[in-house]
């Protein structure tokens, strides 16, 4: 018997963004503006923004949703689409978004 299980229902997303030079504060402000509405979305369990201790220009969202469907619905919201298509190109030098299943130990 294993000492862990994998929660294949819920979805965890880690979205990392590296700000363009001089754009970190604007990036943090743009991302922080997404927090209140997202936290009210049906299916959102966790939505937190973090700034790296090693690189002040790197920020990351750690997100958790009850299902892939809830996450997909979040991603389709107008504010998220606006961020990725209009805001991000002006503020972000690089990004990486990856989804995970949580290990329950």
PDB file of N, CA and C in Angstrom:
ATOM      1  N   UNK A   1       0.837  -1.178   0.000  1.00  0.00           N
ATOM      2  CA  UNK A   1       0.000   0.000   0.000  1.00  0.00           C
ATOM      3  C   UNK A   1       0.888   1.250   0.000  1.00  0.00           C
ATOM      4  N   UNK A   2       0.581   2.211  -0.860  1.00  0.00           N
ATOM      5  CA  UNK A   2       1.381   3.424  -0.938  1.00  0.00           C
ATOM      6  C   UNK A   2       0.982   4.406   0.158  1.00  0.00           C
ATOM      7  N   UNK A   3       1.901   5.315   0.452  1.00  0.00           N
ATOM      8  CA  UNK A   3       1.653   6.339   1.462  1.00  0.00           C
ATOM      9  C   UNK A   3       1.166   7.636   0.830  1.00  0.00           C
ATOM     10  N   UNK A   4       0.722   7.558  -0.413  1.00  0.00           N
ATOM     11  CA  UNK A   4       0.235   8.750  -1.088  1.00  0.00           C
ATOM     12  C   UNK A   4      -0.825   8.363  -2.101  1.00  0.00           C
ATOM     13  N   UNK A   5      -1.583   9.358  -2.509  1.00  0.00           N
ATOM     14  CA  UNK A   5      -2.496   9.207  -3.630  1.00  0.00           C
ATOM     15  C   UNK A   5      -2.388  10.467  -4.473  1.00  0.00           C
ATOM     16  N   UNK A   6      -2.846  10.375  -5.689  1.00  0.00           N
ATOM     17  CA  UNK A   6      -2.813  11.537  -6.566  1.00  0.00           C
ATOM     18  C   UNK A   6      -4.238  11.992  -6.804  1.00  0.00           C
ATOM     19  N   UNK A   7      -4.491  13.256  -6.490  1.00  0.00           N
ATOM     20  CA  UNK A   7      -5.815  13.829  -6.683  1.00  0.00           C
ATOM     21  C   UNK A   7      -5.959  14.172  -8.168  1.00  0.00           C
ATOM     22  N   UNK A   8      -6.601  13.307  -8.906  1.00  0.00           N
ATOM     23  CA  UNK A   8      -6.727  13.517 -10.345  1.00  0.00           C
ATOM     24  C   UNK A   8      -7.955  14.340 -10.712  1.00  0.00           C
ATOM     25  N   UNK A   9      -8.739  14.742  -9.729  1.00  0.00           N
ATOM     26  CA  UNK A   9      -9.922  15.560  -9.995  1.00  0.00           C
ATOM     27  C   UNK A   9      -9.574  17.039 -10.012  1.00  0.00           C
ATOM     28  N   UNK A  10      -8.923  17.502  -8.949  1.00  0.00           N
ATOM     29  CA  UNK A  10      -8.568  18.911  -8.855  1.00  0.00           C
ATOM     30  C   UNK A  10      -7.353  19.205  -9.730  1.00  0.00           C
ATOM     31  N   UNK A  11      -7.163  20.468 -10.047  1.00  0.00           N
ATOM     32  CA  UNK A  11      -6.071  20.895 -10.905  1.00  0.00           C
ATOM     33  C   UNK A  11      -5.300  22.008 -10.219  1.00  0.00           C
ATOM     34  N   UNK A  12      -3.983  21.907 -10.241  1.00  0.00           N
ATOM     35  CA  UNK A  12      -3.101  22.937  -9.713  1.00  0.00           C
ATOM     36  C   UNK A  12      -2.340  23.533 -10.890  1.00  0.00           C
ATOM     37  N   UNK A  13      -2.279  24.838 -10.955  1.00  0.00           N
ATOM     38  CA  UNK A  13      -1.551  25.529 -12.014  1.00  0.00           C
ATOM     39  C   UNK A  13      -0.492  26.417 -11.375  1.00  0.00           C
ATOM     40  N   UNK A  14       0.715  26.360 -11.937  1.00  0.00           N
ATOM     41  CA  UNK A  14       1.776  27.283 -11.556  1.00  0.00           C
ATOM     42  C   UNK A  14       2.093  28.093 -12.808  1.00  0.00           C
ATOM     43  N   UNK A  15       1.825  29.376 -12.739  1.00  0.00           N
ATOM     44  CA  UNK A  15       2.038  30.277 -13.871  1.00  0.00           C
ATOM     45  C   UNK A  15       3.121  31.279 -13.496  1.00  0.00           C
ATOM     46  N   UNK A  16       4.268  31.173 -14.168  1.00  0.00           N
ATOM     47  CA  UNK A  16       5.410  32.040 -13.861  1.00  0.00           C
ATOM     48  C   UNK A  16       5.590  33.075 -14.969  1.00  0.00           C
ATOM     49  N   UNK A  17       5.901  34.294 -14.550  1.00  0.00           N
ATOM     50  CA  UNK A  17       6.111  35.386 -15.482  1.00  0.00           C
ATOM     51  C   UNK A  17       7.367  36.147 -15.087  1.00  0.00           C
ATOM     52  N   UNK A  18       8.199  36.491 -16.063  1.00  0.00           N
ATOM     53  CA  UNK A  18       9.367  37.320 -15.819  1.00  0.00           C
ATOM     54  C   UNK A  18       9.095  38.675 -16.463  1.00  0.00           C
ATOM     55  N   UNK A  19       9.115  39.708 -15.648  1.00  0.00           N
ATOM     56  CA  UNK A  19       8.807  41.050 -16.130  1.00  0.00           C
ATOM     57  C   UNK A  19       9.921  41.585 -17.015  1.00  0.00           C
ATOM     58  N   UNK A  20       9.527  42.385 -17.989  1.00  0.00           N
ATOM     59  CA  UNK A  20      10.502  43.118 -18.789  1.00  0.00           C
ATOM     60  C   UNK A  20      11.196  44.119 -17.863  1.00  0.00           C
ATOM     61  N   UNK A  21      12.409  44.551 -18.204  1.00  0.00           N
ATOM     62  CA  UNK A  21      13.124  45.521 -17.353  1.00  0.00           C
ATOM     63  C   UNK A  21      12.263  46.741 -17.046  1.00  0.00           C
ATOM     64  N   UNK A  22      12.194  47.069 -15.763  1.00  0.00           N
ATOM     65  CA  UNK A  22      11.451  48.231 -15.311  1.00  0.00           C
ATOM     66  C   UNK A  22       9.937  48.045 -15.263  1.00  0.00           C
ATOM     67  N   UNK A  23       9.441  46.842 -15.547  1.00  0.00           N
ATOM     68  CA  UNK A  23       7.998  46.614 -15.625  1.00  0.00           C
ATOM     69  C   UNK A  23       7.449  45.751 -14.485  1.00  0.00           C
ATOM     70  N   UNK A  24       8.286  45.386 -13.511  1.00  0.00           N
ATOM     71  CA  UNK A  24       7.848  44.482 -12.451  1.00  0.00           C
ATOM     72  C   UNK A  24       6.626  45.015 -11.695  1.00  0.00           C
ATOM     73  N   UNK A  25       6.662  46.256 -11.262  1.00  0.00           N
ATOM     74  CA  UNK A  25       5.545  46.791 -10.481  1.00  0.00           C
ATOM     75  C   UNK A  25       4.261  46.835 -11.302  1.00  0.00           C
ATOM     76  N   UNK A  26       4.360  47.184 -12.570  1.00  0.00           N
ATOM     77  CA  UNK A  26       3.183  47.201 -13.431  1.00  0.00           C
ATOM     78  C   UNK A  26       2.643  45.790 -13.630  1.00  0.00           C
ATOM     79  N   UNK A  27       3.548  44.813 -13.759  1.00  0.00           N
ATOM     80  CA  UNK A  27       3.116  43.422 -13.902  1.00  0.00           C
ATOM     81  C   UNK A  27       2.410  42.937 -12.644  1.00  0.00           C
ATOM     82  N   UNK A  28       3.009  43.210 -11.489  1.00  0.00           N
ATOM     83  CA  UNK A  28       2.381  42.792 -10.231  1.00  0.00           C
ATOM     84  C   UNK A  28       1.010  43.444 -10.085  1.00  0.00           C
ATOM     85  N   UNK A  29       0.898  44.711 -10.418  1.00  0.00           N
ATOM     86  CA  UNK A  29      -0.391  45.407 -10.317  1.00  0.00           C
ATOM     87  C   UNK A  29      -1.422  44.794 -11.264  1.00  0.00           C
ATOM     88  N   UNK A  30      -1.010  44.480 -12.480  1.00  0.00           N
ATOM     89  CA  UNK A  30      -1.935  43.886 -13.447  1.00  0.00           C
ATOM     90  C   UNK A  30      -2.403  42.509 -12.986  1.00  0.00           C
ATOM     91  N   UNK A  31      -1.486  41.712 -12.459  1.00  0.00           N
ATOM     92  CA  UNK A  31      -1.852  40.380 -11.983  1.00  0.00           C
ATOM     93  C   UNK A  31      -2.683  40.455 -10.704  1.00  0.00           C
ATOM     94  N   UNK A  32      -2.320  41.344  -9.807  1.00  0.00           N
ATOM     95  CA  UNK A  32      -3.072  41.493  -8.554  1.00  0.00           C
ATOM     96  C   UNK A  32      -4.514  41.910  -8.833  1.00  0.00           C
ATOM     97  N   UNK A  33      -4.728  42.656  -9.894  1.00  0.00           N
ATOM     98  CA  UNK A  33      -6.085  43.082 -10.244  1.00  0.00           C
ATOM     99  C   UNK A  33      -6.982  41.903 -10.612  1.00  0.00           C
ATOM    100  N   UNK A  34      -6.390  40.772 -10.999  1.00  0.00           N
ATOM    101  CA  UNK A  34      -7.158  39.584 -11.364  1.00  0.00           C
ATOM    102  C   UNK A  34      -7.623  38.788 -10.144  1.00  0.00           C
ATOM    103  N   UNK A  35      -7.018  39.023  -9.003  1.00  0.00           N
ATOM    104  CA  UNK A  35      -7.250  38.176  -7.828  1.00  0.00           C
ATOM    105  C   UNK A  35      -8.682  38.235  -7.290  1.00  0.00           C
ATOM    106  N   UNK A  36      -9.249  39.404  -6.998  1.00  0.00           N
ATOM    107  CA  UNK A  36     -10.566  39.407  -6.350  1.00  0.00           C
ATOM    108  C   UNK A  36     -11.651  38.661  -7.129  1.00  0.00           C
ATOM    109  N   UNK A  37     -11.777  38.920  -8.422  1.00  0.00           N
ATOM    110  CA  UNK A  37     -12.820  38.255  -9.205  1.00  0.00           C
ATOM    111  C   UNK A  37     -12.547  36.761  -9.339  1.00  0.00           C
ATOM    112  N   UNK A  38     -11.277  36.398  -9.527  1.00  0.00           N
ATOM    113  CA  UNK A  38     -10.956  34.978  -9.675  1.00  0.00           C
ATOM    114  C   UNK A  38     -11.279  34.216  -8.400  1.00  0.00           C
ATOM    115  N   UNK A  39     -10.974  34.785  -7.264  1.00  0.00           N
ATOM    116  CA  UNK A  39     -11.262  34.090  -6.000  1.00  0.00           C
ATOM    117  C   UNK A  39     -12.757  33.884  -5.780  1.00  0.00           C
ATOM    118  N   UNK A  40     -13.582  34.670  -6.451  1.00  0.00           N
ATOM    119  CA  UNK A  40     -15.036  34.510  -6.342  1.00  0.00           C
ATOM    120  C   UNK A  40     -15.596  33.520  -7.371  1.00  0.00           C
ATOM    121  N   UNK A  41     -14.767  33.071  -8.305  1.00  0.00           N
ATOM    122  CA  UNK A  41     -15.236  32.143  -9.334  1.00  0.00           C
ATOM    123  C   UNK A  41     -15.631  30.809  -8.717  1.00  0.00           C
ATOM    124  N   UNK A  42     -16.699  30.236  -9.265  1.00  0.00           N
ATOM    125  CA  UNK A  42     -17.095  28.892  -8.860  1.00  0.00           C
ATOM    126  C   UNK A  42     -15.952  27.933  -9.216  1.00  0.00           C
ATOM    127  N   UNK A  43     -15.496  27.188  -8.245  1.00  0.00           N
ATOM    128  CA  UNK A  43     -14.456  26.201  -8.500  1.00  0.00           C
ATOM    129  C   UNK A  43     -13.058  26.637  -8.134  1.00  0.00           C
ATOM    130  N   UNK A  44     -12.866  27.897  -7.786  1.00  0.00           N
ATOM    131  CA  UNK A  44     -11.536  28.366  -7.384  1.00  0.00           C
ATOM    132  C   UNK A  44     -11.297  28.015  -5.917  1.00  0.00           C
ATOM    133  N   UNK A  45     -10.238  27.273  -5.653  1.00  0.00           N
ATOM    134  CA  UNK A  45      -9.865  26.914  -4.288  1.00  0.00           C
ATOM    135  C   UNK A  45      -8.743  27.820  -3.793  1.00  0.00           C
ATOM    136  N   UNK A  46      -7.795  28.109  -4.663  1.00  0.00           N
ATOM    137  CA  UNK A  46      -6.617  28.893  -4.277  1.00  0.00           C
ATOM    138  C   UNK A  46      -6.174  29.716  -5.479  1.00  0.00           C
ATOM    139  N   UNK A  47      -5.819  30.973  -5.232  1.00  0.00           N
ATOM    140  CA  UNK A  47      -5.330  31.850  -6.291  1.00  0.00           C
ATOM    141  C   UNK A  47      -4.444  32.873  -5.619  1.00  0.00           C
ATOM    142  N   UNK A  48      -3.149  32.588  -5.590  1.00  0.00           N
ATOM    143  CA  UNK A  48      -2.235  33.486  -4.883  1.00  0.00           C
ATOM    144  C   UNK A  48      -1.084  33.896  -5.775  1.00  0.00           C
ATOM    145  N   UNK A  49      -0.699  35.143  -5.642  1.00  0.00           N
ATOM    146  CA  UNK A  49       0.397  35.727  -6.407  1.00  0.00           C
ATOM    147  C   UNK A  49       1.612  35.835  -5.507  1.00  0.00           C
ATOM    148  N   UNK A  50       2.776  35.462  -6.044  1.00  0.00           N
ATOM    149  CA  UNK A  50       4.025  35.446  -5.285  1.00  0.00           C
ATOM    150  C   UNK A  50       5.130  36.121  -6.081  1.00  0.00           C
ATOM    151  N   UNK A  51       6.035  36.784  -5.379  1.00  0.00           N
ATOM    152  CA  UNK A  51       7.219  37.399  -5.991  1.00  0.00           C
ATOM    153  C   UNK A  51       8.427  36.595  -5.536  1.00  0.00           C
ATOM    154  N   UNK A  52       9.295  36.245  -6.474  1.00  0.00           N
ATOM    155  CA  UNK A  52      10.478  35.444  -6.178  1.00  0.00           C
ATOM    156  C   UNK A  52      11.419  36.164  -5.210  1.00  0.00           C
ATOM    157  N   UNK A  53      11.982  35.398  -4.297  1.00  0.00           N
ATOM    158  CA  UNK A  53      13.013  35.934  -3.396  1.00  0.00           C
ATOM    159  C   UNK A  53      14.376  35.983  -4.081  1.00  0.00           C
ATOM    160  N   UNK A  54      14.530  35.246  -5.173  1.00  0.00           N
ATOM    161  CA  UNK A  54      15.812  35.171  -5.878  1.00  0.00           C
ATOM    162  C   UNK A  54      15.897  36.110  -7.073  1.00  0.00           C
ATOM    163  N   UNK A  55      14.762  36.450  -7.651  1.00  0.00           N
ATOM    164  CA  UNK A  55      14.729  37.310  -8.834  1.00  0.00           C
ATOM    165  C   UNK A  55      13.502  38.206  -8.725  1.00  0.00           C
ATOM    166  N   UNK A  56      13.704  39.466  -8.394  1.00  0.00           N
ATOM    167  CA  UNK A  56      12.574  40.360  -8.132  1.00  0.00           C
ATOM    168  C   UNK A  56      11.681  40.574  -9.352  1.00  0.00           C
ATOM    169  N   UNK A  57      12.167  40.226 -10.531  1.00  0.00           N
ATOM    170  CA  UNK A  57      11.358  40.382 -11.737  1.00  0.00           C
ATOM    171  C   UNK A  57      10.500  39.162 -12.044  1.00  0.00           C
ATOM    172  N   UNK A  58      10.633  38.107 -11.248  1.00  0.00           N
ATOM    173  CA  UNK A  58       9.868  36.880 -11.477  1.00  0.00           C
ATOM    174  C   UNK A  58       8.709  36.814 -10.489  1.00  0.00           C
ATOM    175  N   UNK A  59       7.527  36.583 -11.028  1.00  0.00           N
ATOM    176  CA  UNK A  59       6.330  36.419 -10.204  1.00  0.00           C
ATOM    177  C   UNK A  59       5.638  35.121 -10.623  1.00  0.00           C
ATOM    178  N   UNK A  60       4.878  34.561  -9.701  1.00  0.00           N
ATOM    179  CA  UNK A  60       4.197  33.307 -10.003  1.00  0.00           C
ATOM    180  C   UNK A  60       2.849  33.259  -9.320  1.00  0.00           C
ATOM    181  N   UNK A  61       1.863  32.804 -10.066  1.00  0.00           N
ATOM    182  CA  UNK A  61       0.581  32.449  -9.493  1.00  0.00           C
ATOM    183  C   UNK A  61       0.629  30.973  -9.134  1.00  0.00           C
ATOM    184  N   UNK A  62       0.101  30.629  -7.966  1.00  0.00           N
ATOM    185  CA  UNK A  62      -0.187  29.245  -7.614  1.00  0.00           C
ATOM    186  C   UNK A  62      -1.706  29.186  -7.519  1.00  0.00           C
ATOM    187  N   UNK A  63      -2.288  28.353  -8.367  1.00  0.00           N
ATOM    188  CA  UNK A  63      -3.735  28.303  -8.511  1.00  0.00           C
ATOM    189  C   UNK A  63      -4.215  26.878  -8.270  1.00  0.00           C
ATOM    190  N   UNK A  64      -5.388  26.753  -7.699  1.00  0.00           N
ATOM    191  CA  UNK A  64      -5.987  25.439  -7.520  1.00  0.00           C
ATOM    192  C   UNK A  64      -7.477  25.559  -7.789  1.00  0.00           C
ATOM    193  N   UNK A  65      -7.974  24.650  -8.640  1.00  0.00           N
ATOM    194  CA  UNK A  65      -9.380  24.630  -9.015  1.00  0.00           C
ATOM    195  C   UNK A  65      -9.945  23.238  -8.770  1.00  0.00           C
ATOM    196  N   UNK A  66     -11.246  23.170  -8.555  1.00  0.00           N
ATOM    197  CA  UNK A  66     -11.894  21.905  -8.226  1.00  0.00           C
ATOM    198  C   UNK A  66     -11.845  20.895  -9.368  1.00  0.00           C
ATOM    199  N   UNK A  67     -11.655  21.371 -10.597  1.00  0.00           N
ATOM    200  CA  UNK A  67     -11.637  20.478 -11.748  1.00  0.00           C
ATOM    201  C   UNK A  67     -10.974  21.172 -12.930  1.00  0.00           C
ATOM    202  N   UNK A  68     -10.642  20.382 -13.933  1.00  0.00           N
ATOM    203  CA  UNK A  68     -10.103  20.951 -15.165  1.00  0.00           C
ATOM    204  C   UNK A  68     -11.145  21.842 -15.821  1.00  0.00           C
ATOM    205  N   UNK A  69     -12.415  21.440 -15.754  1.00  0.00           N
ATOM    206  CA  UNK A  69     -13.482  22.253 -16.333  1.00  0.00           C
ATOM    207  C   UNK A  69     -13.544  23.636 -15.673  1.00  0.00           C
ATOM    208  N   UNK A  70     -13.408  23.693 -14.349  1.00  0.00           N
ATOM    209  CA  UNK A  70     -13.417  24.986 -13.644  1.00  0.00           C
ATOM    210  C   UNK A  70     -12.209  25.825 -14.043  1.00  0.00           C
ATOM    211  N   UNK A  71     -11.058  25.177 -14.202  1.00  0.00           N
ATOM    212  CA  UNK A  71      -9.850  25.888 -14.635  1.00  0.00           C
ATOM    213  C   UNK A  71     -10.031  26.408 -16.058  1.00  0.00           C
ATOM    214  N   UNK A  72     -10.560  25.571 -16.942  1.00  0.00           N
ATOM    215  CA  UNK A  72     -10.785  25.999 -18.326  1.00  0.00           C
ATOM    216  C   UNK A  72     -11.756  27.177 -18.382  1.00  0.00           C
ATOM    217  N   UNK A  73     -12.787  27.141 -17.535  1.00  0.00           N
ATOM    218  CA  UNK A  73     -13.729  28.258 -17.483  1.00  0.00           C
ATOM    219  C   UNK A  73     -13.019  29.530 -17.027  1.00  0.00           C
ATOM    220  N   UNK A  74     -12.156  29.401 -16.019  1.00  0.00           N
ATOM    221  CA  UNK A  74     -11.362  30.541 -15.548  1.00  0.00           C
ATOM    222  C   UNK A  74     -10.528  31.117 -16.699  1.00  0.00           C
ATOM    223  N   UNK A  75      -9.858  30.242 -17.425  1.00  0.00           N
ATOM    224  CA  UNK A  75      -8.980  30.685 -18.515  1.00  0.00           C
ATOM    225  C   UNK A  75      -9.744  31.380 -19.635  1.00  0.00           C
ATOM    226  N   UNK A  76     -11.028  31.081 -19.769  1.00  0.00           N
ATOM    227  CA  UNK A  76     -11.827  31.685 -20.836  1.00  0.00           C
ATOM    228  C   UNK A  76     -12.427  33.037 -20.446  1.00  0.00           C
ATOM    229  N   UNK A  77     -12.304  33.421 -19.177  1.00  0.00           N
ATOM    230  CA  UNK A  77     -12.857  34.699 -18.715  1.00  0.00           C
ATOM    231  C   UNK A  77     -12.236  35.867 -19.485  1.00  0.00           C
ATOM    232  N   UNK A  78     -13.015  36.892 -19.706  1.00  0.00           N
ATOM    233  CA  UNK A  78     -12.556  38.056 -20.472  1.00  0.00           C
ATOM    234  C   UNK A  78     -11.313  38.690 -19.864  1.00  0.00           C
ATOM    235  N   UNK A  79     -11.266  38.811 -18.543  1.00  0.00           N
ATOM    236  CA  UNK A  79     -10.121  39.456 -17.897  1.00  0.00           C
ATOM    237  C   UNK A  79      -8.839  38.657 -18.094  1.00  0.00           C
ATOM    238  N   UNK A  80      -8.931  37.336 -18.072  1.00  0.00           N
ATOM    239  CA  UNK A  80      -7.749  36.489 -18.266  1.00  0.00           C
ATOM    240  C   UNK A  80      -7.306  36.558 -19.723  1.00  0.00           C
ATOM    241  N   UNK A  81      -8.254  36.490 -20.639  1.00  0.00           N
ATOM    242  CA  UNK A  81      -7.922  36.594 -22.052  1.00  0.00           C
ATOM    243  C   UNK A  81      -7.305  37.959 -22.373  1.00  0.00           C
ATOM    244  N   UNK A  82      -7.846  39.022 -21.770  1.00  0.00           N
ATOM    245  CA  UNK A  82      -7.283  40.356 -21.969  1.00  0.00           C
ATOM    246  C   UNK A  82      -5.853  40.415 -21.462  1.00  0.00           C
ATOM    247  N   UNK A  83      -5.617  39.828 -20.294  1.00  0.00           N
ATOM    248  CA  UNK A  83      -4.256  39.820 -19.756  1.00  0.00           C
ATOM    249  C   UNK A  83      -3.297  39.143 -20.743  1.00  0.00           C
ATOM    250  N   UNK A  84      -3.622  37.927 -21.168  1.00  0.00           N
ATOM    251  CA  UNK A  84      -2.704  37.181 -22.035  1.00  0.00           C
ATOM    252  C   UNK A  84      -2.514  37.825 -23.406  1.00  0.00           C
ATOM    253  N   UNK A  85      -3.563  38.419 -23.963  1.00  0.00           N
ATOM    254  CA  UNK A  85      -3.468  38.951 -25.323  1.00  0.00           C
ATOM    255  C   UNK A  85      -3.045  40.418 -25.398  1.00  0.00           C
ATOM    256  N   UNK A  86      -3.371  41.201 -24.367  1.00  0.00           N
ATOM    257  CA  UNK A  86      -3.122  42.640 -24.446  1.00  0.00           C
ATOM    258  C   UNK A  86      -2.120  43.162 -23.422  1.00  0.00           C
ATOM    259  N   UNK A  87      -2.216  42.697 -22.205  1.00  0.00           N
ATOM    260  CA  UNK A  87      -1.356  43.206 -21.131  1.00  0.00           C
ATOM    261  C   UNK A  87      -0.009  42.516 -21.124  1.00  0.00           C
ATOM    262  N   UNK A  88      -0.011  41.204 -21.151  1.00  0.00           N
ATOM    263  CA  UNK A  88       1.227  40.431 -21.037  1.00  0.00           C
ATOM    264  C   UNK A  88       2.286  40.806 -22.074  1.00  0.00           C
ATOM    265  N   UNK A  89       1.935  41.006 -23.338  1.00  0.00           N
ATOM    266  CA  UNK A  89       2.982  41.348 -24.312  1.00  0.00           C
ATOM    267  C   UNK A  89       3.750  42.631 -23.970  1.00  0.00           C
ATOM    268  N   UNK A  90       3.097  43.543 -23.267  1.00  0.00           N
ATOM    269  CA  UNK A  90       3.749  44.809 -22.910  1.00  0.00           C
ATOM    270  C   UNK A  90       4.650  44.683 -21.678  1.00  0.00           C
ATOM    271  N   UNK A  91       4.355  43.721 -20.814  1.00  0.00           N
ATOM    272  CA  UNK A  91       5.013  43.665 -19.509  1.00  0.00           C
ATOM    273  C   UNK A  91       5.913  42.455 -19.290  1.00  0.00           C
ATOM    274  N   UNK A  92       5.751  41.398 -20.058  1.00  0.00           N
ATOM    275  CA  UNK A  92       6.395  40.117 -19.753  1.00  0.00           C
ATOM    276  C   UNK A  92       7.455  39.765 -20.787  1.00  0.00           C
ATOM    277  N   UNK A  93       8.661  39.446 -20.273  1.00  0.00           N
ATOM    278  CA  UNK A  93       9.758  39.007 -21.138  1.00  0.00           C
ATOM    279  C   UNK A  93       9.634  37.530 -21.469  1.00  0.00           C
ATOM    280  N   UNK A  94       9.206  36.728 -20.490  1.00  0.00           N
ATOM    281  CA  UNK A  94       9.013  35.292 -20.710  1.00  0.00           C
ATOM    282  C   UNK A  94       8.006  34.765 -19.692  1.00  0.00           C
ATOM    283  N   UNK A  95       7.436  33.618 -20.021  1.00  0.00           N
ATOM    284  CA  UNK A  95       6.479  33.012 -19.095  1.00  0.00           C
ATOM    285  C   UNK A  95       6.461  31.501 -19.286  1.00  0.00           C
ATOM    286  N   UNK A  96       5.967  30.830 -18.266  1.00  0.00           N
ATOM    287  CA  UNK A  96       5.815  29.377 -18.307  1.00  0.00           C
ATOM    288  C   UNK A  96       4.601  29.028 -17.459  1.00  0.00           C
ATOM    289  N   UNK A  97       3.663  28.299 -18.043  1.00  0.00           N
ATOM    290  CA  UNK A  97       2.457  27.880 -17.340  1.00  0.00           C
ATOM    291  C   UNK A  97       2.426  26.356 -17.388  1.00  0.00           C
ATOM    292  N   UNK A  98       2.247  25.742 -16.227  1.00  0.00           N
ATOM    293  CA  UNK A  98       2.209  24.284 -16.157  1.00  0.00           C
ATOM    294  C   UNK A  98       1.117  23.858 -15.184  1.00  0.00           C
ATOM    295  N   UNK A  99       0.447  22.755 -15.510  1.00  0.00           N
ATOM    296  CA  UNK A  99      -0.615  22.246 -14.642  1.00  0.00           C
ATOM    297  C   UNK A  99      -0.188  20.924 -14.018  1.00  0.00           C
ATOM    298  N   UNK A 100      -0.700  20.690 -12.811  1.00  0.00           N
ATOM    299  CA  UNK A 100      -0.306  19.547 -12.008  1.00  0.00           C
ATOM    300  C   UNK A 100      -1.525  18.920 -11.352  1.00  0.00           C
ATOM    301  N   UNK A 101      -1.316  17.688 -10.883  1.00  0.00           N
ATOM    302  CA  UNK A 101      -2.242  17.040  -9.957  1.00  0.00           C
ATOM    303  C   UNK A 101      -1.545  16.994  -8.603  1.00  0.00           C
ATOM    304  N   UNK A 102      -2.274  17.295  -7.560  1.00  0.00           N
ATOM    305  CA  UNK A 102      -1.699  17.328  -6.217  1.00  0.00           C
ATOM    306  C   UNK A 102      -1.467  15.904  -5.692  1.00  0.00           C
ATOM    307  N   UNK A 103      -0.333  15.716  -5.038  1.00  0.00           N
ATOM    308  CA  UNK A 103      -0.056  14.463  -4.354  1.00  0.00           C
ATOM    309  C   UNK A 103      -0.536  14.604  -2.918  1.00  0.00           C
ATOM    310  N   UNK A 104      -1.389  13.672  -2.481  1.00  0.00           N
ATOM    311  CA  UNK A 104      -1.913  13.675  -1.125  1.00  0.00           C
ATOM    312  C   UNK A 104      -1.107  12.637  -0.347  1.00  0.00           C
ATOM    313  N   UNK A 105      -0.353  13.113   0.650  1.00  0.00           N
ATOM    314  CA  UNK A 105       0.486  12.204   1.438  1.00  0.00           C
ATOM    315  C   UNK A 105       0.065  12.216   2.898  1.00  0.00           C
TER     316      UNK A 105
END
